[in-house]
Amino acid sequence: MVKLSINMDSEGSILTHWGAAPILFGSTSVQHECIPQAILGMDVICQAKSGMGKTAVFVLSSLQQIDPVAGHVAALVLCHTRELAYQICNEFERFSKYLSELKVAVFYGGVHIKKHKDLLKNDCPHIVVGTPGRILALARDKDLSLKNVRHFILDECDKMLESLDMRRDVQEIFKMTPHDKQVMMFSATLSKEIRPICKKFMQDPMEIYVDDEAKLTLHGLVQHYIKLTEAEKNRKLNDLLDALDFNQVVIFVKSVSRAAELNKLLCECNFPAISIHSGMTQEERLTRYKNFKEGHKRILVATDLVGRGIDIERVNIVINYDMPDSADTYLHRVGRAGRFGTKGLAITFVSSASDSDVLNQVQERFEVDIKELPEQIDTSTYRTAETPHRLFRKRRAPR
């Protein structure tokens, strides 16, 4: 087997080696702090703002430690959505490109379970990524053996442990794994109430928290709001998409029906839009996710299904067409733009008193001053200097 080795140089870059194939990439502060300890097998609870490379911490550290044994699942990664599971699986595959013996597989609902059972029987992976419901079903049916798991990882752990139903699933899965294993948990939002629950799964973990919540906001992200009526939203959105220079945009709405209707309207207005929501089949959701991630579409209309963890590097603008229900959700949504220290822009529509309340909560909790969107905004404040991507299209007025 060609073993992965990881070195962190004095300037904070990570150099990974697969035989003669080195890959150099700059590390973030959370990677520089976590990876050396995680590689040693320590349990880790890590809170860091969105877009700072938490995924690389558990991907690289687990790959470093795994010695593949045929038929043995060595690492299990649980996350709350199918799209995030798919993305994490891709990251494992990307970093294990030269580890030819290593097999990675992803399991989630919406796919016929027989397909997953056949894969486990005929080509058992060493690393399993999945959603708790499907993983538990496979484990209960004895198709997925967890008795050799050495690395148990929860991404967006607060989302899974705050929900009692999902927490029960996670706990049952956890009990099927060996006592002697490494446990790692990650999220951008880890309240003081959820931290003790996380620690119940661990033994003397390394803990990294951001207790000053003002530090959770992305420094390269410009944030504004627009006050308007519900009836004015479509026209204003149309004007913004015409006026702004962007690579890709994510527009968040509050419901499946809103996502479908707004996407239909944008397509009728000749915008290159696509939508993702829970009303679609799993196959359709993943197809659309890949189309957007690969840049075939420039505008994504979505529910909070893609509000956490999803990393699409070209996104530099997020628009909250509907106000999120909490400050936490706001933080995760706007974290889709301005990732890894790049520039980004977040615009939030405020159309009711309750919207204003949430906006005030965001400003107070994260100590950020969100100003009203000016009539003119300097492109250089939210877009890295490169070829402009203003959207030229045949105009059609919105309804």
Foldseek 3Di string as FASTA:
>chain_A
DFAWDWDQDPVQWIWIDRDPDIDIDHAAPQLSVQQVVVLVQFAEEAAAAFQRPPLCSVLVSQSNPDDDDFLAAAAEEEEAAQLLLVVSQVVNCVVCVSVVVAFEDEDEPLDPLVVVLVCSVPPNGNYYGYYLVSVLVCVVVVSDQQANYAEYEYEQVCVQCVDPVSVVSVVVVLVRYDLHHHYYYYDNDDDPVCVVVSCVSHDPHDYHDDPQLLNNAAPQEAFAEAEDALVCLLQVVVVCLQPAWFQAEEEEDADPVVQVVSQVLCVVQVAQEDEAEPVDRPVVNVVRVVCVLVSVHRYYYYYCSCLADDERPRYAEYEHSDADPALVSVSSNSSNHCHPNAHHYYYYYDHDPSSVVRVVRNCVRNVDDHYHDDPDDDNVSRHPDDDTRRDDDDGDRGD
